[in-house]
Amino acid sequence: MLDVEVQSGKSHAAKHSLPRLRQLIEGLAPEKRPTLMRGDNAFGNEGVMAEMEEINQRYLFKLRQTDGIFTGSPGAIVPGPGRLREWF
């Protein structure tokens, strides 16, 4: 375990943990950073994904099933249609 911070019960959403999470990741040497950041659907939103992409952190977040979900994103594990070749 890297760190534990306790917050009030009303501060449990991903947006409340994102600043400290990013600080933790950026504070690690590149070779010590996680290979993959995993999160539930609370983290699977544009704001969190944009921040992970900004610091070049790969991620796997559960997303809600909505139209256009597989459009692909640079940090995403599942590439969009026609982008599978970019992985190899």
N, C-alpha and C. Protein backbone atom coordinates (compact mmCIF):
# COMPACT_ATOMS: atom_id res chain seq x y z
N MET A 1 0.85 -1.16 0.00
CA MET A 1 0.00 0.00 0.00
C MET A 1 0.90 1.23 0.00
N LEU A 2 0.58 2.17 -0.86
CA LEU A 2 1.37 3.39 -0.95
C LEU A 2 0.97 4.43 0.08
N ASP A 3 -0.32 4.62 0.24
CA ASP A 3 -0.78 5.72 1.07
C ASP A 3 -2.26 5.52 1.39
N VAL A 4 -2.67 6.04 2.51
CA VAL A 4 -4.09 6.02 2.87
C VAL A 4 -4.43 7.39 3.42
N GLU A 5 -5.49 7.95 2.90
CA GLU A 5 -6.01 9.22 3.42
C GLU A 5 -7.48 9.02 3.71
N VAL A 6 -7.91 9.42 4.87
CA VAL A 6 -9.30 9.29 5.27
C VAL A 6 -9.98 10.63 5.08
N GLN A 7 -11.14 10.59 4.41
CA GLN A 7 -11.91 11.81 4.18
C GLN A 7 -13.32 11.59 4.70
N SER A 8 -14.08 12.66 4.76
CA SER A 8 -15.46 12.53 5.24
C SER A 8 -16.25 11.64 4.29
N GLY A 9 -17.32 11.09 4.76
CA GLY A 9 -18.13 10.19 3.96
C GLY A 9 -18.75 10.84 2.74
N LYS A 10 -18.76 12.15 2.67
CA LYS A 10 -19.32 12.85 1.52
C LYS A 10 -18.27 13.11 0.45
N SER A 11 -17.03 12.74 0.69
CA SER A 11 -15.94 12.98 -0.26
C SER A 11 -15.39 11.66 -0.77
N HIS A 12 -16.25 10.85 -1.35
CA HIS A 12 -15.81 9.53 -1.78
C HIS A 12 -15.72 9.38 -3.30
N ALA A 13 -16.18 10.36 -4.04
CA ALA A 13 -16.18 10.25 -5.49
C ALA A 13 -14.76 10.34 -6.04
N ALA A 14 -14.57 9.86 -7.25
CA ALA A 14 -13.26 9.87 -7.89
C ALA A 14 -12.68 11.27 -7.96
N LYS A 15 -13.53 12.25 -8.15
CA LYS A 15 -13.02 13.63 -8.29
C LYS A 15 -12.33 14.11 -7.02
N HIS A 16 -12.70 13.56 -5.87
CA HIS A 16 -12.07 13.96 -4.62
C HIS A 16 -10.71 13.30 -4.43
N SER A 17 -10.52 12.13 -5.00
CA SER A 17 -9.25 11.43 -4.85
C SER A 17 -8.27 11.72 -5.98
N LEU A 18 -8.75 12.28 -7.07
CA LEU A 18 -7.91 12.50 -8.25
C LEU A 18 -6.68 13.37 -7.99
N PRO A 19 -6.79 14.50 -7.31
CA PRO A 19 -5.59 15.32 -7.11
C PRO A 19 -4.46 14.57 -6.37
N ARG A 20 -4.82 13.85 -5.33
CA ARG A 20 -3.80 13.10 -4.56
C ARG A 20 -3.30 11.91 -5.37
N LEU A 21 -4.16 11.25 -6.10
CA LEU A 21 -3.75 10.12 -6.93
C LEU A 21 -2.72 10.58 -7.96
N ARG A 22 -3.02 11.68 -8.61
CA ARG A 22 -2.07 12.20 -9.61
C ARG A 22 -0.75 12.58 -8.94
N GLN A 23 -0.82 13.20 -7.79
CA GLN A 23 0.39 13.59 -7.06
C GLN A 23 1.23 12.35 -6.71
N LEU A 24 0.57 11.29 -6.28
CA LEU A 24 1.29 10.05 -5.96
C LEU A 24 1.98 9.47 -7.19
N ILE A 25 1.27 9.41 -8.30
CA ILE A 25 1.84 8.85 -9.53
C ILE A 25 3.02 9.70 -10.01
N GLU A 26 2.83 11.00 -10.05
CA GLU A 26 3.88 11.88 -10.53
C GLU A 26 5.09 11.90 -9.60
N GLY A 27 4.88 11.58 -8.33
CA GLY A 27 5.98 11.55 -7.37
C GLY A 27 6.86 10.32 -7.48
N LEU A 28 6.41 9.33 -8.24
CA LEU A 28 7.19 8.11 -8.42
C LEU A 28 8.14 8.25 -9.61
N ALA A 29 9.29 7.64 -9.50
CA ALA A 29 10.20 7.58 -10.64
C ALA A 29 9.51 6.82 -11.76
N PRO A 30 9.78 7.15 -13.02
CA PRO A 30 9.09 6.47 -14.13
C PRO A 30 9.11 4.95 -14.06
N GLU A 31 10.21 4.37 -13.64
CA GLU A 31 10.30 2.91 -13.57
C GLU A 31 9.52 2.32 -12.39
N LYS A 32 9.09 3.17 -11.46
CA LYS A 32 8.32 2.71 -10.30
C LYS A 32 6.82 2.97 -10.45
N ARG A 33 6.42 3.66 -11.51
CA ARG A 33 5.01 3.96 -11.71
C ARG A 33 4.23 2.70 -12.06
N PRO A 34 2.94 2.68 -11.77
CA PRO A 34 2.13 1.50 -12.11
C PRO A 34 2.11 1.28 -13.63
N THR A 35 2.12 0.03 -14.02
CA THR A 35 1.99 -0.31 -15.43
C THR A 35 0.62 0.06 -15.92
N LEU A 36 -0.37 -0.10 -15.04
CA LEU A 36 -1.76 0.12 -15.41
C LEU A 36 -2.53 0.64 -14.21
N MET A 37 -3.29 1.70 -14.40
CA MET A 37 -4.15 2.23 -13.36
C MET A 37 -5.54 1.62 -13.55
N ARG A 38 -6.09 0.98 -12.52
CA ARG A 38 -7.38 0.31 -12.60
C ARG A 38 -8.39 1.04 -11.73
N GLY A 39 -9.58 1.27 -12.26
CA GLY A 39 -10.61 1.94 -11.48
C GLY A 39 -12.00 1.52 -11.91
N ASP A 40 -12.97 1.73 -11.05
CA ASP A 40 -14.36 1.40 -11.39
C ASP A 40 -14.97 2.51 -12.23
N ASN A 41 -16.28 2.44 -12.46
CA ASN A 41 -16.89 3.41 -13.36
C ASN A 41 -16.90 4.84 -12.82
N ALA A 42 -16.64 5.04 -11.54
CA ALA A 42 -16.52 6.40 -11.02
C ALA A 42 -15.30 7.10 -11.63
N PHE A 43 -14.28 6.32 -11.98
CA PHE A 43 -13.08 6.88 -12.60
C PHE A 43 -13.20 6.94 -14.12
N GLY A 44 -14.17 6.23 -14.68
CA GLY A 44 -14.33 6.17 -16.13
C GLY A 44 -15.06 7.37 -16.69
N ASN A 45 -14.56 8.55 -16.42
CA ASN A 45 -15.16 9.77 -16.96
C ASN A 45 -14.08 10.60 -17.64
N GLU A 46 -14.50 11.53 -18.45
CA GLU A 46 -13.57 12.30 -19.28
C GLU A 46 -12.51 13.03 -18.46
N GLY A 47 -12.89 13.60 -17.33
CA GLY A 47 -11.93 14.34 -16.51
C GLY A 47 -10.79 13.48 -16.00
N VAL A 48 -11.11 12.33 -15.44
CA VAL A 48 -10.09 11.43 -14.90
C VAL A 48 -9.22 10.87 -16.04
N MET A 49 -9.88 10.44 -17.12
CA MET A 49 -9.12 9.88 -18.24
C MET A 49 -8.19 10.92 -18.85
N ALA A 50 -8.65 12.16 -18.96
CA ALA A 50 -7.81 13.22 -19.51
C ALA A 50 -6.58 13.46 -18.64
N GLU A 51 -6.77 13.42 -17.32
CA GLU A 51 -5.62 13.62 -16.43
C GLU A 51 -4.63 12.47 -16.53
N MET A 52 -5.12 11.24 -16.62
CA MET A 52 -4.22 10.09 -16.76
C MET A 52 -3.44 10.17 -18.08
N GLU A 53 -4.11 10.60 -19.14
CA GLU A 53 -3.45 10.74 -20.43
C GLU A 53 -2.43 11.87 -20.40
N GLU A 54 -2.73 12.92 -19.65
CA GLU A 54 -1.83 14.07 -19.55
C GLU A 54 -0.48 13.67 -18.93
N ILE A 55 -0.51 12.70 -18.02
CA ILE A 55 0.74 12.25 -17.39
C ILE A 55 1.22 10.92 -17.97
N ASN A 56 0.65 10.54 -19.13
CA ASN A 56 1.03 9.31 -19.83
C ASN A 56 0.89 8.06 -18.98
N GLN A 57 -0.19 8.00 -18.21
CA GLN A 57 -0.47 6.84 -17.38
C GLN A 57 -1.52 5.99 -18.06
N ARG A 58 -1.20 4.75 -18.38
CA ARG A 58 -2.19 3.84 -18.97
C ARG A 58 -3.22 3.48 -17.91
N TYR A 59 -4.45 3.23 -18.36
CA TYR A 59 -5.53 2.97 -17.41
C TYR A 59 -6.52 1.97 -17.97
N LEU A 60 -7.26 1.40 -17.06
CA LEU A 60 -8.38 0.52 -17.39
C LEU A 60 -9.50 0.87 -16.42
N PHE A 61 -10.51 1.55 -16.92
CA PHE A 61 -11.64 1.96 -16.09
C PHE A 61 -12.90 1.35 -16.65
N LYS A 62 -13.78 0.95 -15.77
CA LYS A 62 -15.09 0.47 -16.20
C LYS A 62 -15.90 1.67 -16.67
N LEU A 63 -16.52 1.54 -17.82
CA LEU A 63 -17.30 2.63 -18.38
C LEU A 63 -18.77 2.26 -18.43
N ARG A 64 -19.62 3.24 -18.39
CA ARG A 64 -21.04 2.99 -18.58
C ARG A 64 -21.28 2.63 -20.03
N GLN A 65 -22.28 1.83 -20.28
CA GLN A 65 -22.61 1.45 -21.65
C GLN A 65 -23.42 2.56 -22.30
N THR A 66 -22.75 3.33 -23.13
CA THR A 66 -23.42 4.40 -23.87
C THR A 66 -22.95 4.37 -25.31
N ASP A 67 -23.67 5.03 -26.18
CA ASP A 67 -23.26 5.10 -27.58
C ASP A 67 -21.90 5.77 -27.70
N GLY A 68 -21.08 5.27 -28.59
CA GLY A 68 -19.78 5.88 -28.86
C GLY A 68 -18.70 5.54 -27.85
N ILE A 69 -18.94 4.56 -26.98
CA ILE A 69 -17.98 4.25 -25.93
C ILE A 69 -16.67 3.70 -26.47
N PHE A 70 -16.70 3.02 -27.62
CA PHE A 70 -15.48 2.44 -28.16
C PHE A 70 -14.86 3.31 -29.25
N THR A 71 -14.79 4.59 -29.01
CA THR A 71 -14.19 5.48 -30.00
C THR A 71 -12.67 5.49 -29.89
N GLY A 72 -12.15 4.92 -28.84
CA GLY A 72 -10.70 4.85 -28.67
C GLY A 72 -10.15 6.11 -28.03
N SER A 73 -9.09 5.94 -27.27
CA SER A 73 -8.45 7.03 -26.58
C SER A 73 -7.00 6.63 -26.36
N PRO A 74 -6.04 7.56 -26.44
CA PRO A 74 -4.62 7.20 -26.37
C PRO A 74 -4.22 6.37 -25.15
N GLY A 75 -4.84 6.61 -23.98
CA GLY A 75 -4.47 5.86 -22.79
C GLY A 75 -5.32 4.64 -22.53
N ALA A 76 -6.34 4.46 -23.33
CA ALA A 76 -7.28 3.37 -23.10
C ALA A 76 -6.68 2.03 -23.48
N ILE A 77 -7.14 0.99 -22.82
CA ILE A 77 -6.68 -0.37 -23.10
C ILE A 77 -7.39 -0.93 -24.32
N VAL A 78 -8.65 -0.59 -24.50
CA VAL A 78 -9.41 -1.10 -25.65
C VAL A 78 -9.37 -0.05 -26.75
N PRO A 79 -8.73 -0.35 -27.87
CA PRO A 79 -8.66 0.63 -28.95
C PRO A 79 -9.99 0.77 -29.66
N GLY A 80 -10.18 1.87 -30.30
CA GLY A 80 -11.40 2.09 -31.07
C GLY A 80 -11.40 1.27 -32.34
N PRO A 81 -12.53 1.26 -33.04
CA PRO A 81 -12.62 0.50 -34.29
C PRO A 81 -11.52 0.90 -35.27
N GLY A 82 -10.88 -0.08 -35.85
CA GLY A 82 -9.85 0.18 -36.84
C GLY A 82 -8.51 0.57 -36.28
N ARG A 83 -8.37 0.61 -34.94
CA ARG A 83 -7.10 1.03 -34.33
C ARG A 83 -6.32 -0.12 -33.73
N LEU A 84 -6.82 -1.33 -33.86
CA LEU A 84 -6.16 -2.48 -33.26
C LEU A 84 -4.73 -2.64 -33.79
N ARG A 85 -4.52 -2.34 -35.07
CA ARG A 85 -3.18 -2.48 -35.66
C ARG A 85 -2.16 -1.58 -34.98
N GLU A 86 -2.60 -0.47 -34.41
CA GLU A 86 -1.68 0.45 -33.74
C GLU A 86 -1.03 -0.19 -32.51
N TRP A 87 -1.64 -1.23 -32.00
CA TRP A 87 -1.13 -1.88 -30.80
C TRP A 87 0.01 -2.84 -31.09
N PHE A 88 0.17 -3.25 -32.34
CA PHE A 88 1.16 -4.27 -32.66
C PHE A 88 2.31 -3.69 -33.44
